[in-house]
Amino acid sequence: MLIPRPTVINQITRLLAIHPIVALLGPRQCGKTTVARMVGEQQASTYFDLENPVDIRRLSAPLTVLETLSGLIIIDEVQQRPDLFQLLRVLVDRPQNNARFLLLGFASPHLVRSASESLAGRIGFVDLSGFDLTEVGVAQRDRLWVRGGFPRSFLADDDPSSMAWREAFIRTFLERDIPQLGITIPAEALRRFWTMVAHFHGQQWNAAEFARSLGASESTARRYLDILGGAYMVRVLPPWFENLGKRQVRSPKVYIRDSGILHGLLHLETLADVQSHPKLGASWEGFAVEQIIRLLDTRDAYFWATHSGAELDLLVHLRGRRYGFEIKYADAPGVTRSMRIALSDLGLEHLWVIYPGRQEYALTTQITVLPLDALPRIASALR
């Protein structure tokens, strides 16, 4: 089954009209190759996979090969050949260049930094994760929540098959993908840390606590967090703070980005497993946070909290305005003191309370309870 992904395809197409090079970055198995082939089908294209021995030989003399091509040139697994960035700069700067390049890579901070430095002004970036609500449809919301957005997990025949895929993915990520990035950390140590993050999902980051549990230094705990964040496995949601005359929280929150991977690390196979687990509310919060950030297509997202107890799960800045999101796994959420404080102190344009129900209703003129299923409509209006 092939699920269309028009939003990301349009984003790539739009950037290719601006830049001679576009990098499509994301974790393995999130659908980068499928999306790239969809883009390639719309025009004349040439495809190279740098994990395919045949294509590796084809690019043994890359300048000789690439300078003869035109149209769209797709290079998959580009992290295998970071030396290509300097060559691509030479090619796209030639006046007679008629080619556009789409680079696919398993992202790491080093890869992004290398591409940005070598190809400054010539490259646009697109981040790709798994499926979102607009792609699978709101009728598949719970399936997306439980299994996550990785295509093979979401499309598996049944829950046990989906869980088996996620367990294999976690193992491969730790034993193969991380070493390929040049990171030498024992797989079991990083898995233990990743599992700890799953149990702290939706909570504030405390390097000292993680370090004690690992029997390591705080700098080691931070390094592990940076690795998983750079590989799209963990979201580090920064705190928002300003001069309000109140003591505000300055530690970020941490989430496992894909809800299916979270449930895999917690050994939750079915919807019933998730609904009976103590991390139910946190799981729903992380799932909603990812959907909101994806659908709004923003990096300007934060959480906010004060030491006196006021808190806002998600603060988003769009076009000079501030919008708030509270996320509740409840049947009929109501107004709380914390919501009123956030509205007043942060100057929010509006605050939505995201919940799993089906009915949208207003609590005040500035606070609305919104089903997660209605989020695509709101996101479209705000963008």
Protein backbone atom coordinates (compact mmCIF):
# COMPACT_ATOMS: atom_id res chain seq x y z
CA MET A 1 0.00 0.00 0.00
CA LEU A 2 1.40 3.38 -1.06
CA ILE A 3 0.26 6.39 0.96
CA PRO A 4 0.53 9.73 -0.89
CA ARG A 5 2.67 12.41 0.74
CA PRO A 6 1.78 15.55 -1.24
CA THR A 7 2.87 18.09 1.39
CA VAL A 8 6.50 17.00 1.55
CA ILE A 9 6.64 16.42 -2.23
CA ASN A 10 5.40 19.97 -2.83
CA GLN A 11 7.93 21.29 -0.33
CA ILE A 12 10.78 19.52 -2.13
CA THR A 13 9.56 20.70 -5.54
CA ARG A 14 9.28 24.29 -4.30
CA LEU A 15 12.81 24.25 -2.86
CA LEU A 16 14.27 22.69 -6.03
CA ALA A 17 12.94 25.72 -7.91
CA ILE A 18 14.96 27.95 -5.56
CA HIS A 19 18.11 25.93 -4.81
CA PRO A 20 20.19 23.70 -7.09
CA ILE A 21 20.50 21.21 -4.22
CA VAL A 22 17.91 19.99 -1.71
CA ALA A 23 18.69 17.63 1.17
CA LEU A 24 15.90 15.37 2.42
CA LEU A 25 16.91 14.31 5.92
CA GLY A 26 15.36 11.99 8.46
CA PRO A 27 15.74 8.67 10.25
CA ARG A 28 16.10 5.43 8.36
CA GLN A 29 12.92 3.76 7.11
CA CYS A 30 10.81 6.92 7.34
CA GLY A 31 10.06 6.90 3.60
CA LYS A 32 12.77 9.16 2.13
CA THR A 33 13.53 6.88 -0.82
CA THR A 34 9.85 6.43 -1.69
CA VAL A 35 9.26 10.19 -1.56
CA ALA A 36 12.35 10.84 -3.69
CA ARG A 37 11.19 8.36 -6.32
CA MET A 38 7.77 10.07 -6.37
CA VAL A 39 9.51 13.38 -7.03
CA GLY A 40 11.72 11.73 -9.66
CA GLU A 41 8.71 10.34 -11.51
CA GLN A 42 7.55 13.89 -12.23
CA GLN A 43 10.63 14.68 -14.34
CA ALA A 44 13.72 13.18 -15.96
CA SER A 45 15.85 11.80 -13.14
CA THR A 46 18.86 9.62 -12.33
CA TYR A 47 19.11 7.65 -9.09
CA PHE A 48 22.19 6.57 -7.13
CA ASP A 49 22.13 4.53 -3.90
CA LEU A 50 25.45 4.76 -2.06
CA GLU A 51 24.75 1.50 -0.24
CA ASN A 52 24.37 -0.35 -3.56
CA PRO A 53 27.73 -1.79 -4.76
CA VAL A 54 26.77 -1.15 -8.40
CA ASP A 55 26.05 2.53 -7.77
CA ILE A 56 29.19 2.86 -5.65
CA ARG A 57 31.20 1.68 -8.66
CA ARG A 58 29.25 4.02 -10.96
CA LEU A 59 30.37 6.93 -8.78
CA SER A 60 33.98 5.82 -8.39
CA ALA A 61 34.87 8.84 -10.55
CA PRO A 62 32.03 11.15 -9.45
CA LEU A 63 33.01 14.30 -11.35
CA THR A 64 33.27 12.45 -14.65
CA VAL A 65 29.86 10.84 -14.15
CA LEU A 66 27.84 13.68 -12.62
CA GLU A 67 28.98 16.46 -14.98
CA THR A 68 27.47 14.60 -17.95
CA LEU A 69 23.99 14.36 -16.36
CA SER A 70 21.07 16.76 -16.44
CA GLY A 71 17.62 16.86 -14.91
CA LEU A 72 17.16 15.67 -11.32
CA ILE A 73 19.97 13.61 -9.81
CA ILE A 74 18.97 11.71 -6.65
CA ILE A 75 21.78 10.51 -4.38
CA ASP A 76 20.57 8.24 -1.58
CA GLU A 77 22.51 7.57 1.66
CA VAL A 78 24.69 10.62 1.02
CA GLN A 79 26.14 10.40 4.55
CA GLN A 80 28.34 7.62 3.13
CA ARG A 81 30.17 10.17 0.95
CA PRO A 82 30.43 13.57 2.66
CA ASP A 83 33.30 14.36 0.26
CA LEU A 84 30.68 14.80 -2.46
CA PHE A 85 29.56 18.14 -1.00
CA GLN A 86 32.65 19.98 -2.26
CA LEU A 87 32.25 18.40 -5.69
CA LEU A 88 28.58 19.37 -5.91
CA ARG A 89 29.48 22.96 -5.13
CA VAL A 90 31.82 22.98 -8.13
CA LEU A 91 29.18 21.45 -10.40
CA VAL A 92 26.26 23.71 -9.49
CA ASP A 93 28.43 26.85 -9.75
CA ARG A 94 29.19 26.18 -13.41
CA PRO A 95 27.18 28.50 -15.69
CA GLN A 96 26.25 25.60 -17.99
CA ASN A 97 24.89 23.45 -15.15
CA ASN A 98 21.41 22.08 -15.97
CA ALA A 99 21.12 19.61 -13.11
CA ARG A 100 19.34 19.70 -9.77
CA PHE A 101 20.39 17.42 -6.93
CA LEU A 102 18.20 15.75 -4.32
CA LEU A 103 20.32 14.31 -1.51
CA LEU A 104 18.87 11.76 0.92
CA GLY A 105 20.54 11.13 4.22
CA PHE A 106 20.27 9.65 7.65
CA ALA A 107 20.70 12.92 9.49
CA SER A 108 23.35 13.71 12.02
CA PRO A 109 24.60 17.08 13.30
CA HIS A 110 27.90 16.44 11.50
CA LEU A 111 26.19 15.80 8.16
CA VAL A 112 24.01 18.90 8.39
CA ARG A 113 26.98 21.03 9.44
CA SER A 114 29.16 19.72 6.60
CA ALA A 115 26.46 20.34 3.99
CA SER A 116 25.67 23.79 5.36
CA GLU A 117 29.32 24.86 5.36
CA SER A 118 30.23 23.40 1.96
CA LEU A 119 27.03 24.36 0.14
CA ALA A 120 26.04 27.61 1.84
CA GLY A 121 23.54 29.50 -0.29
CA ARG A 122 23.09 26.54 -2.63
CA ILE A 123 21.14 24.03 -0.54
CA GLY A 124 17.69 23.81 1.04
CA PHE A 125 16.75 21.34 3.75
CA VAL A 126 13.60 19.27 4.22
CA ASP A 127 13.11 17.19 7.37
CA LEU A 128 11.03 14.05 6.96
CA SER A 129 9.52 11.94 9.70
CA GLY A 130 6.94 9.16 9.52
CA PHE A 131 3.32 9.55 8.48
CA ASP A 132 1.13 12.23 10.03
CA LEU A 133 -2.64 12.60 10.41
CA THR A 134 -3.12 14.38 7.09
CA GLU A 135 -1.45 11.50 5.26
CA VAL A 136 -3.16 8.52 6.90
CA GLY A 137 -6.52 10.17 7.64
CA VAL A 138 -8.12 10.91 11.00
CA ALA A 139 -9.95 7.56 10.94
CA GLN A 140 -6.52 5.93 11.46
CA ARG A 141 -5.60 8.16 14.41
CA ASP A 142 -5.35 5.46 17.08
CA ARG A 143 -3.43 3.13 14.78
CA LEU A 144 -0.96 5.94 14.06
CA TRP A 145 -0.67 6.70 17.77
CA VAL A 146 -0.02 3.10 18.82
CA ARG A 147 2.21 2.02 15.93
CA GLY A 148 3.88 5.33 15.11
CA GLY A 149 4.51 6.84 11.72
CA PHE A 150 7.29 4.67 10.30
CA PRO A 151 5.67 3.21 7.16
CA ARG A 152 6.50 -0.45 7.77
CA SER A 153 5.31 -0.26 11.36
CA PHE A 154 2.10 1.58 10.52
CA LEU A 155 1.26 -0.63 7.50
CA ALA A 156 2.07 -3.98 9.16
CA ASP A 157 -0.62 -6.66 8.93
CA ASP A 158 -1.25 -6.75 12.68
CA ASP A 159 0.01 -5.36 15.99
CA PRO A 160 2.50 -8.20 16.70
CA SER A 161 4.09 -7.72 13.24
CA SER A 162 4.31 -3.99 13.83
CA MET A 163 5.96 -4.50 17.22
CA ALA A 164 8.43 -7.01 15.74
CA TRP A 165 9.44 -4.45 13.10
CA ARG A 166 9.98 -1.74 15.72
CA GLU A 167 12.08 -4.02 17.93
CA ALA A 168 14.28 -4.89 14.93
CA PHE A 169 14.52 -1.20 14.01
CA ILE A 170 15.70 -0.25 17.50
CA ARG A 171 18.35 -2.95 17.45
CA THR A 172 19.57 -2.02 13.94
CA PHE A 173 19.66 1.66 14.83
CA LEU A 174 21.88 0.98 17.84
CA GLU A 175 24.13 -1.68 16.34
CA ARG A 176 24.50 -0.38 12.77
CA ASP A 177 23.31 3.18 12.24
CA ILE A 178 25.01 4.82 15.22
CA PRO A 179 28.45 3.26 14.45
CA GLN A 180 28.08 4.39 10.81
CA LEU A 181 27.97 7.96 12.08
CA GLY A 182 31.40 7.46 13.60
CA ILE A 183 29.99 7.30 17.14
CA THR A 184 31.64 4.70 19.34
CA ILE A 185 29.22 4.01 22.18
CA PRO A 186 28.31 0.49 23.35
CA ALA A 187 24.86 -0.36 21.98
CA GLU A 188 23.61 -1.56 25.36
CA ALA A 189 24.61 1.70 27.08
CA LEU A 190 22.77 3.80 24.51
CA ARG A 191 19.76 1.48 24.61
CA ARG A 192 19.60 1.83 28.40
CA PHE A 193 19.69 5.60 28.03
CA TRP A 194 17.03 5.54 25.29
CA THR A 195 14.77 3.41 27.49
CA MET A 196 15.29 5.85 30.37
CA VAL A 197 14.17 8.71 28.11
CA ALA A 198 11.05 6.66 27.29
CA HIS A 199 10.24 6.43 31.00
CA PHE A 200 10.87 10.20 31.37
CA HIS A 201 8.89 10.98 28.20
CA GLY A 202 7.15 14.35 28.58
CA GLN A 203 9.17 15.35 31.66
CA GLN A 204 11.84 17.97 32.19
CA TRP A 205 15.40 16.99 31.41
CA ASN A 206 17.59 16.43 34.47
CA ALA A 207 21.15 15.59 33.43
CA ALA A 208 22.22 14.77 36.99
CA GLU A 209 19.45 12.21 37.47
CA PHE A 210 20.22 10.51 34.14
CA ALA A 211 23.94 10.50 34.94
CA ARG A 212 23.36 8.83 38.33
CA SER A 213 21.19 6.14 36.75
CA LEU A 214 23.77 5.51 34.04
CA GLY A 215 26.71 5.58 36.43
CA ALA A 216 28.29 8.18 34.17
CA SER A 217 29.00 11.91 34.10
CA GLU A 218 26.46 14.61 33.26
CA SER A 219 28.43 15.45 30.11
CA THR A 220 28.04 11.83 28.97
CA ALA A 221 24.28 11.97 29.55
CA ARG A 222 24.08 15.21 27.55
CA ARG A 223 26.16 13.67 24.75
CA TYR A 224 23.79 10.70 24.52
CA LEU A 225 20.84 13.09 24.38
CA ASP A 226 22.50 15.09 21.60
CA ILE A 227 23.10 11.90 19.61
CA LEU A 228 19.49 10.73 19.82
CA GLY A 229 18.20 14.25 19.16
CA GLY A 230 20.40 14.67 16.09
CA ALA A 231 19.21 11.31 14.76
CA TYR A 232 15.52 12.34 15.01
CA MET A 233 14.80 9.82 17.76
CA VAL A 234 14.28 12.31 20.61
CA ARG A 235 12.73 15.76 20.64
CA VAL A 236 14.27 18.22 23.07
CA LEU A 237 11.56 20.85 23.49
CA PRO A 238 13.17 24.08 24.74
CA PRO A 239 11.64 26.21 27.49
CA TRP A 240 10.31 29.69 26.79
CA PHE A 241 11.18 32.36 29.32
CA GLU A 242 10.97 36.14 29.41
CA ASN A 243 10.94 38.92 31.97
CA LEU A 244 7.64 38.31 33.75
CA GLY A 245 8.73 38.88 37.34
CA LYS A 246 8.29 35.15 37.98
CA ARG A 247 10.73 32.28 38.36
CA GLN A 248 10.41 30.25 35.18
CA VAL A 249 11.61 26.76 34.32
CA ARG A 250 14.73 26.77 32.15
CA SER A 251 15.24 23.04 31.56
CA PRO A 252 13.88 21.49 28.35
CA LYS A 253 11.36 18.68 28.09
CA VAL A 254 12.28 15.42 26.39
CA TYR A 255 10.06 13.23 24.21
CA ILE A 256 10.55 10.12 22.10
CA ARG A 257 9.55 11.62 18.76
CA ASP A 258 7.79 8.60 17.26
CA SER A 259 5.00 7.23 19.44
CA GLY A 260 5.48 3.74 18.03
CA ILE A 261 9.14 3.70 19.06
CA LEU A 262 8.10 4.95 22.52
CA HIS A 263 5.65 2.07 22.83
CA GLY A 264 8.26 -0.35 21.54
CA LEU A 265 10.72 0.73 24.23
CA LEU A 266 7.94 0.39 26.85
CA HIS A 267 6.76 -2.98 25.39
CA LEU A 268 3.22 -1.73 24.67
CA GLU A 269 1.85 -3.61 21.68
CA THR A 270 -1.84 -2.74 21.48
CA LEU A 271 -4.13 0.22 22.12
CA ALA A 272 -5.36 -1.56 25.26
CA ASP A 273 -1.75 -1.86 26.48
CA VAL A 274 -1.20 1.87 26.00
CA GLN A 275 -4.50 2.85 27.65
CA SER A 276 -3.73 0.79 30.76
CA HIS A 277 -0.15 2.05 31.19
CA PRO A 278 0.94 4.80 33.63
CA LYS A 279 2.52 6.70 30.70
CA LEU A 280 -0.85 6.99 28.89
CA GLY A 281 -1.16 10.76 29.38
CA ALA A 282 2.49 11.40 28.50
CA SER A 283 2.23 9.22 25.40
CA TRP A 284 -0.83 11.14 24.20
CA GLU A 285 0.93 14.45 24.92
CA GLY A 286 4.02 13.51 22.92
CA PHE A 287 1.92 12.23 20.02
CA ALA A 288 -0.10 15.47 19.92
CA VAL A 289 3.02 17.67 20.23
CA GLU A 290 4.59 15.96 17.21
CA GLN A 291 1.41 16.29 15.15
CA ILE A 292 1.05 19.99 15.99
CA ILE A 293 4.66 20.83 15.16
CA ARG A 294 4.53 18.78 11.95
CA LEU A 295 1.23 20.25 10.75
CA LEU A 296 2.21 23.83 11.58
CA ASP A 297 5.62 23.26 9.93
CA THR A 298 7.43 25.31 12.55
CA ARG A 299 10.66 25.23 14.51
CA ASP A 300 9.51 28.08 16.75
CA ALA A 301 7.95 25.81 19.39
CA TYR A 302 8.48 25.74 23.15
CA PHE A 303 6.94 24.73 26.44
CA TRP A 304 6.47 27.16 29.31
CA ALA A 305 6.33 26.66 33.06
CA THR A 306 6.85 28.61 36.27
CA HIS A 307 8.17 27.34 39.58
CA SER A 308 4.82 28.22 41.13
CA GLY A 309 3.07 25.58 39.02
CA ALA A 310 1.67 27.35 35.94
CA GLU A 311 2.48 25.49 32.74
CA LEU A 312 1.71 25.38 29.02
CA ASP A 313 2.46 22.18 27.09
CA LEU A 314 3.24 23.90 23.80
CA LEU A 315 3.80 27.54 22.83
CA VAL A 316 4.07 28.29 19.11
CA HIS A 317 5.03 31.58 17.48
CA LEU A 318 3.47 32.14 14.05
CA ARG A 319 3.59 35.36 12.06
CA GLY A 320 4.27 37.48 15.11
CA ARG A 321 1.48 35.94 17.18
CA ARG A 322 1.56 33.45 20.04
CA TYR A 323 -0.67 30.40 20.24
CA GLY A 324 -0.91 27.92 23.08
CA PHE A 325 -1.78 24.22 23.22
CA GLU A 326 -2.66 22.21 26.30
CA ILE A 327 -2.91 18.47 25.78
CA LYS A 328 -5.23 16.37 27.92
CA TYR A 329 -6.20 12.71 27.77
CA ALA A 330 -9.63 13.35 29.29
CA ASP A 331 -13.28 13.03 28.30
CA ALA A 332 -14.29 16.67 28.82
CA PRO A 333 -11.45 19.05 29.73
CA GLY A 334 -12.32 22.33 31.44
CA VAL A 335 -10.61 25.63 32.14
CA THR A 336 -7.78 25.50 34.66
CA ARG A 337 -6.01 28.23 36.60
CA SER A 338 -2.82 27.37 34.72
CA MET A 339 -4.53 28.07 31.38
CA ARG A 340 -5.71 31.49 32.53
CA ILE A 341 -2.23 32.39 33.78
CA ALA A 342 -0.64 31.31 30.48
CA LEU A 343 -3.16 33.35 28.48
CA SER A 344 -2.47 36.45 30.55
CA ASP A 345 1.28 36.20 31.10
CA LEU A 346 2.21 35.10 27.58
CA GLY A 347 -0.30 37.27 25.69
CA LEU A 348 -1.70 34.31 23.73
CA GLU A 349 -3.89 34.95 20.72
CA HIS A 350 -5.74 31.71 21.45
CA LEU A 351 -5.32 28.53 23.46
CA TRP A 352 -6.51 25.12 22.28
CA VAL A 353 -6.99 22.14 24.56
CA ILE A 354 -6.26 19.03 22.49
CA TYR A 355 -8.11 15.89 23.63
CA PRO A 356 -9.12 12.48 22.21
CA GLY A 357 -12.86 13.20 22.03
CA ARG A 358 -14.92 14.09 18.96
CA GLN A 359 -16.73 17.29 19.99
CA GLU A 360 -15.25 20.78 19.59
CA TYR A 361 -16.49 23.34 22.12
CA ALA A 362 -15.51 26.75 23.51
CA LEU A 363 -14.59 27.21 27.18
CA THR A 364 -14.08 30.98 26.84
CA THR A 365 -13.65 33.36 23.92
CA GLN A 366 -9.92 32.53 23.92
CA ILE A 367 -9.91 28.86 24.97
CA THR A 368 -11.31 26.08 22.80
CA VAL A 369 -11.39 22.34 23.39
CA LEU A 370 -10.37 20.72 20.13
CA PRO A 371 -10.34 17.06 19.06
CA LEU A 372 -6.97 15.99 17.73
CA ASP A 373 -8.84 14.90 14.60
CA ALA A 374 -9.65 18.59 13.88
CA LEU A 375 -6.05 19.69 14.16
CA PRO A 376 -5.32 19.61 10.39
CA ARG A 377 -8.09 22.15 9.82
CA ILE A 378 -6.79 24.52 12.51
CA ALA A 379 -3.20 24.12 11.34
CA SER A 380 -4.19 24.94 7.77
CA ALA A 381 -5.92 28.13 8.94
CA LEU A 382 -2.92 29.25 11.03
CA ARG A 383 -0.17 28.63 8.47
